[in-house]
Amino acid sequence: MELSGHSPFIVCEDVDMNKVADIAITGKFRNNGQVCISPNRFYIQENRKDDFVNAFIERAKKLKIGNGMDEGVDLGPMTTAKRLEEIEKLVETTKKEGAEVLMGGQRPPGFNKGYYYEPTVFDNVKDNFTIMKEEPFGPLVPILTFKTFDEVIERANDNDLGLCSYLYTNSMDKAHIGSEKLETGCVAVNTGVVAIAEAPFGGIKQTGYGREGGSGAIKDYLNVKYTHMGLKI
């Protein structure tokens, strides 16, 4: 039973920001952000924030919006008018709460029909903003910074949902500690790939209960019989 997700995307200072930006673009804008494990809360170590933001925006600006059946199109529409309205409302709320729009923030010009919305990147976002608590389920990217690893793990866990986390570091200590401490059912370390058929998939906390995929998931479809047999008497 999976109910929702609000995945943190944690980027430490010791990585190649161009490689991480490539992963972030693919992960965030798959189905235009309408994916349960889409990265939604971007935490960048403060001394590398500009490197990541510049690399990310450079790539995001090249994404082509349009009919997903047309060749060369990267971003299709929102699924419904309701989803588009909710995206627009969340953007306005985020701006009113004090965020700065670095790119996007509107319906793309030239589209007189369809539920399209531009890739939107926010700066100056705080942990208590609405967008950090409500799953955007769309092409919205709030950027935050962190100083220490322990701090960002605590902040990433400060959410009612626990489906997936993303962590990027070349420190194996941080990779293992982060994987253990992040309160989500799935953790992707230095990759954007999480959901594969042979691995268990699902969340904890208010995200839901149980797993699909992998050998563990089949147990939900089996009846377990227990027999306690004594010696012959």
Protein backbone atom coordinates (compact mmCIF):
# COMPACT_ATOMS: atom_id res chain seq x y z
CA MET A 1 0.00 0.00 0.00
CA GLU A 2 1.87 3.05 -1.24
CA LEU A 3 0.28 6.43 -0.51
CA SER A 4 2.78 9.12 -1.49
CA GLY A 5 6.41 10.27 -1.47
CA HIS A 6 8.49 13.40 -0.96
CA SER A 7 12.04 12.31 -1.76
CA PRO A 8 15.10 14.22 -0.52
CA PHE A 9 18.01 14.59 -2.96
CA ILE A 10 21.22 15.12 -0.95
CA VAL A 11 24.38 16.28 -2.72
CA CYS A 12 27.66 16.36 -0.78
CA GLU A 13 30.62 18.55 -1.67
CA ASP A 14 32.91 15.74 -2.86
CA VAL A 15 31.09 14.81 -6.10
CA ASP A 16 31.22 15.76 -9.78
CA MET A 17 28.34 18.24 -10.03
CA ASN A 18 27.94 17.73 -13.76
CA LYS A 19 27.35 14.02 -13.29
CA VAL A 20 24.94 14.63 -10.42
CA ALA A 21 23.09 17.27 -12.44
CA ASP A 22 22.60 14.75 -15.25
CA ILE A 23 21.07 12.29 -12.79
CA ALA A 24 18.93 15.00 -11.20
CA ILE A 25 17.51 16.14 -14.55
CA THR A 26 16.55 12.60 -15.54
CA GLY A 27 15.11 11.72 -12.14
CA LYS A 28 13.21 14.96 -11.58
CA PHE A 29 11.67 15.46 -14.99
CA ARG A 30 10.72 11.88 -15.81
CA ASN A 31 6.99 12.14 -16.57
CA ASN A 32 7.47 15.85 -15.79
CA GLY A 33 7.87 15.14 -12.09
CA GLN A 34 4.71 13.06 -11.86
CA VAL A 35 6.40 10.04 -10.30
CA CYS A 36 6.07 8.82 -6.72
CA ILE A 37 9.86 8.59 -6.28
CA SER A 38 10.62 11.86 -8.08
CA PRO A 39 13.27 13.84 -6.15
CA ASN A 40 11.46 16.79 -4.58
CA ARG A 41 13.64 18.32 -1.85
CA PHE A 42 17.12 19.26 -3.06
CA TYR A 43 19.75 19.68 -0.32
CA ILE A 44 23.14 20.85 -1.66
CA GLN A 45 26.22 21.29 0.55
CA GLU A 46 26.52 25.04 0.82
CA ASN A 47 30.00 25.50 -0.69
CA ARG A 48 28.94 23.67 -3.89
CA LYS A 49 25.44 25.08 -4.27
CA ASP A 50 26.26 27.43 -7.16
CA ASP A 51 28.06 24.64 -9.04
CA PHE A 52 25.02 22.39 -8.82
CA VAL A 53 22.43 25.09 -9.56
CA ASN A 54 24.32 26.34 -12.62
CA ALA A 55 24.76 22.83 -14.01
CA PHE A 56 21.13 21.91 -13.31
CA ILE A 57 19.61 25.05 -14.84
CA GLU A 58 21.86 24.83 -17.89
CA ARG A 59 20.41 21.39 -18.59
CA ALA A 60 16.83 22.22 -17.61
CA LYS A 61 16.69 25.12 -20.07
CA LYS A 62 17.42 22.71 -22.91
CA LEU A 63 14.40 20.51 -22.17
CA LYS A 64 11.76 20.67 -24.89
CA ILE A 65 8.11 20.91 -23.87
CA GLY A 66 5.36 19.47 -26.05
CA ASN A 67 3.40 16.42 -27.13
CA GLY A 68 5.19 13.42 -25.70
CA MET A 69 4.48 11.48 -28.89
CA ASP A 70 6.56 13.93 -30.93
CA GLU A 71 10.22 13.22 -31.54
CA GLY A 72 12.64 15.28 -29.47
CA VAL A 73 10.12 16.24 -26.78
CA ASP A 74 11.37 15.88 -23.20
CA LEU A 75 8.45 17.18 -21.14
CA GLY A 76 4.79 16.41 -21.64
CA PRO A 77 1.81 17.96 -19.82
CA MET A 78 0.37 17.55 -16.37
CA THR A 79 -2.12 14.71 -16.28
CA THR A 80 -5.22 16.79 -15.46
CA ALA A 81 -6.45 20.35 -15.14
CA LYS A 82 -6.65 19.80 -11.37
CA ARG A 83 -2.95 18.84 -11.24
CA LEU A 84 -1.99 21.94 -13.23
CA GLU A 85 -4.04 24.19 -10.94
CA GLU A 86 -2.41 22.64 -7.87
CA ILE A 87 1.05 23.19 -9.35
CA GLU A 88 0.24 26.85 -10.05
CA LYS A 89 -1.14 27.30 -6.54
CA LEU A 90 1.97 25.75 -4.96
CA VAL A 91 4.25 27.98 -7.04
CA GLU A 92 2.41 31.11 -5.88
CA THR A 93 2.48 29.91 -2.28
CA THR A 94 6.22 29.24 -2.47
CA LYS A 95 6.86 32.72 -3.86
CA LYS A 96 4.71 34.35 -1.16
CA GLU A 97 6.63 32.45 1.53
CA GLY A 98 9.84 34.07 0.30
CA ALA A 99 11.39 31.88 -2.39
CA GLU A 100 13.05 33.29 -5.49
CA VAL A 101 12.24 31.79 -8.89
CA LEU A 102 15.47 31.08 -10.76
CA MET A 103 13.72 29.73 -13.85
CA GLY A 104 10.21 28.81 -14.96
CA GLY A 105 7.27 29.56 -12.72
CA GLN A 106 4.58 29.75 -15.40
CA ARG A 107 2.79 27.98 -18.20
CA PRO A 108 5.03 27.94 -21.27
CA PRO A 109 4.19 30.63 -23.84
CA GLY A 110 2.83 29.43 -27.16
CA PHE A 111 0.67 26.63 -25.71
CA ASN A 112 -2.98 27.62 -26.00
CA LYS A 113 -4.23 24.20 -24.91
CA GLY A 114 -3.03 21.35 -22.76
CA TYR A 115 -1.87 21.22 -19.16
CA TYR A 116 1.75 22.28 -19.64
CA TYR A 117 4.02 23.85 -17.05
CA GLU A 118 7.63 24.95 -17.24
CA PRO A 119 10.45 23.36 -15.22
CA THR A 120 10.66 25.63 -12.18
CA VAL A 121 13.64 26.10 -9.85
CA PHE A 122 13.38 27.92 -6.52
CA ASP A 123 16.14 29.44 -4.39
CA ASN A 124 15.98 30.81 -0.82
CA VAL A 125 13.69 27.98 0.27
CA LYS A 126 13.29 27.19 3.98
CA ASP A 127 12.45 23.88 5.63
CA ASN A 128 9.08 25.17 6.87
CA PHE A 129 7.80 26.18 3.42
CA THR A 130 4.67 24.45 2.16
CA ILE A 131 6.55 22.91 -0.79
CA MET A 132 8.78 21.07 1.69
CA LYS A 133 5.78 19.39 3.29
CA GLU A 134 3.43 18.87 0.35
CA GLU A 135 4.48 16.58 -2.49
CA PRO A 136 4.65 18.76 -5.64
CA PHE A 137 4.11 15.88 -8.10
CA GLY A 138 5.26 18.14 -10.91
CA PRO A 139 8.31 19.97 -12.34
CA LEU A 140 9.11 22.00 -9.21
CA VAL A 141 12.64 22.07 -7.76
CA PRO A 142 13.23 23.73 -4.36
CA ILE A 143 16.95 24.25 -3.63
CA LEU A 144 18.27 24.30 -0.05
CA THR A 145 21.76 24.12 1.42
CA PHE A 146 23.32 22.32 4.38
CA LYS A 147 26.53 22.59 6.37
CA THR A 148 27.09 19.16 7.91
CA PHE A 149 26.11 15.62 7.00
CA ASP A 150 24.38 14.89 10.31
CA GLU A 151 22.35 18.06 9.91
CA VAL A 152 21.05 17.21 6.45
CA ILE A 153 20.09 13.66 7.43
CA GLU A 154 18.02 15.05 10.32
CA ARG A 155 16.35 17.61 8.05
CA ALA A 156 15.66 15.08 5.32
CA ASN A 157 13.96 12.80 7.85
CA ASP A 158 11.72 15.61 9.11
CA ASN A 159 8.81 14.57 6.93
CA ASP A 160 5.77 12.36 7.37
CA LEU A 161 6.50 10.48 4.16
CA GLY A 162 9.23 7.88 3.67
CA LEU A 163 9.29 6.33 0.21
CA CYS A 164 12.69 7.11 -1.33
CA SER A 165 15.92 9.07 -0.71
CA TYR A 166 18.79 10.02 -3.00
CA LEU A 167 22.34 10.52 -1.72
CA TYR A 168 25.45 11.57 -3.67
CA THR A 169 28.90 11.30 -2.10
CA ASN A 170 32.27 9.67 -2.77
CA SER A 171 32.69 8.89 0.93
CA MET A 172 31.78 5.27 1.64
CA ASP A 173 31.35 6.18 5.31
CA LYS A 174 28.68 8.74 4.43
CA ALA A 175 27.12 6.40 1.89
CA HIS A 176 26.64 3.60 4.41
CA ILE A 177 25.67 5.84 7.32
CA GLY A 178 23.22 7.78 5.14
CA SER A 179 21.68 4.59 3.78
CA GLU A 180 21.13 3.36 7.33
CA LYS A 181 19.84 6.60 8.83
CA LEU A 182 17.60 7.93 6.04
CA GLU A 183 14.02 7.09 7.00
CA THR A 184 12.74 5.76 3.68
CA GLY A 185 12.00 2.35 2.25
CA CYS A 186 14.39 2.89 -0.67
CA VAL A 187 17.73 4.70 -0.88
CA ALA A 188 19.65 5.47 -4.08
CA VAL A 189 23.35 6.19 -3.53
CA ASN A 190 25.20 7.76 -6.48
CA THR A 191 22.53 6.59 -8.91
CA GLY A 192 19.09 7.65 -10.02
CA VAL A 193 17.79 4.10 -10.43
CA VAL A 194 15.74 2.70 -7.57
CA ALA A 195 12.69 0.76 -8.77
CA ILE A 196 13.71 -2.51 -10.42
CA ALA A 197 11.68 -5.71 -10.57
CA GLU A 198 14.12 -7.82 -8.59
CA ALA A 199 14.31 -5.43 -5.63
CA PRO A 200 11.74 -4.70 -2.89
CA PHE A 201 9.94 -1.39 -3.43
CA GLY A 202 7.81 0.50 -0.92
CA GLY A 203 7.87 3.01 1.90
CA ILE A 204 7.55 3.61 5.62
CA LYS A 205 5.84 6.17 7.87
CA GLN A 206 2.80 7.74 6.15
CA THR A 207 3.90 6.50 2.74
CA GLY A 208 2.31 3.12 3.37
CA TYR A 209 2.99 -0.48 4.20
CA GLY A 210 4.42 -3.55 2.49
CA ARG A 211 6.65 -4.11 -0.53
CA GLU A 212 6.31 -5.05 -4.18
CA GLY A 213 9.10 -6.60 -6.23
CA GLY A 214 11.88 -8.90 -5.11
CA SER A 215 11.61 -12.21 -3.34
CA GLY A 216 10.09 -10.65 -0.24
CA ALA A 217 7.01 -9.39 -2.05
CA ILE A 218 5.80 -12.87 -2.99
CA LYS A 219 5.26 -13.65 0.69
CA ASP A 220 2.13 -11.49 0.69
CA TYR A 221 0.60 -13.97 -1.77
CA LEU A 222 1.50 -17.13 0.12
CA ASN A 223 -0.13 -18.95 3.01
CA VAL A 224 2.54 -19.98 5.49
CA LYS A 225 1.97 -23.27 7.30
CA TYR A 226 3.74 -24.06 10.55
CA THR A 227 4.09 -27.64 11.78
CA HIS A 228 5.67 -28.57 15.12
CA MET A 229 6.41 -32.29 15.06
CA GLY A 230 7.56 -34.32 18.01
CA LEU A 231 9.42 -37.66 17.89
CA LYS A 232 7.51 -40.91 17.45
CA ILE A 233 5.75 -42.02 20.60
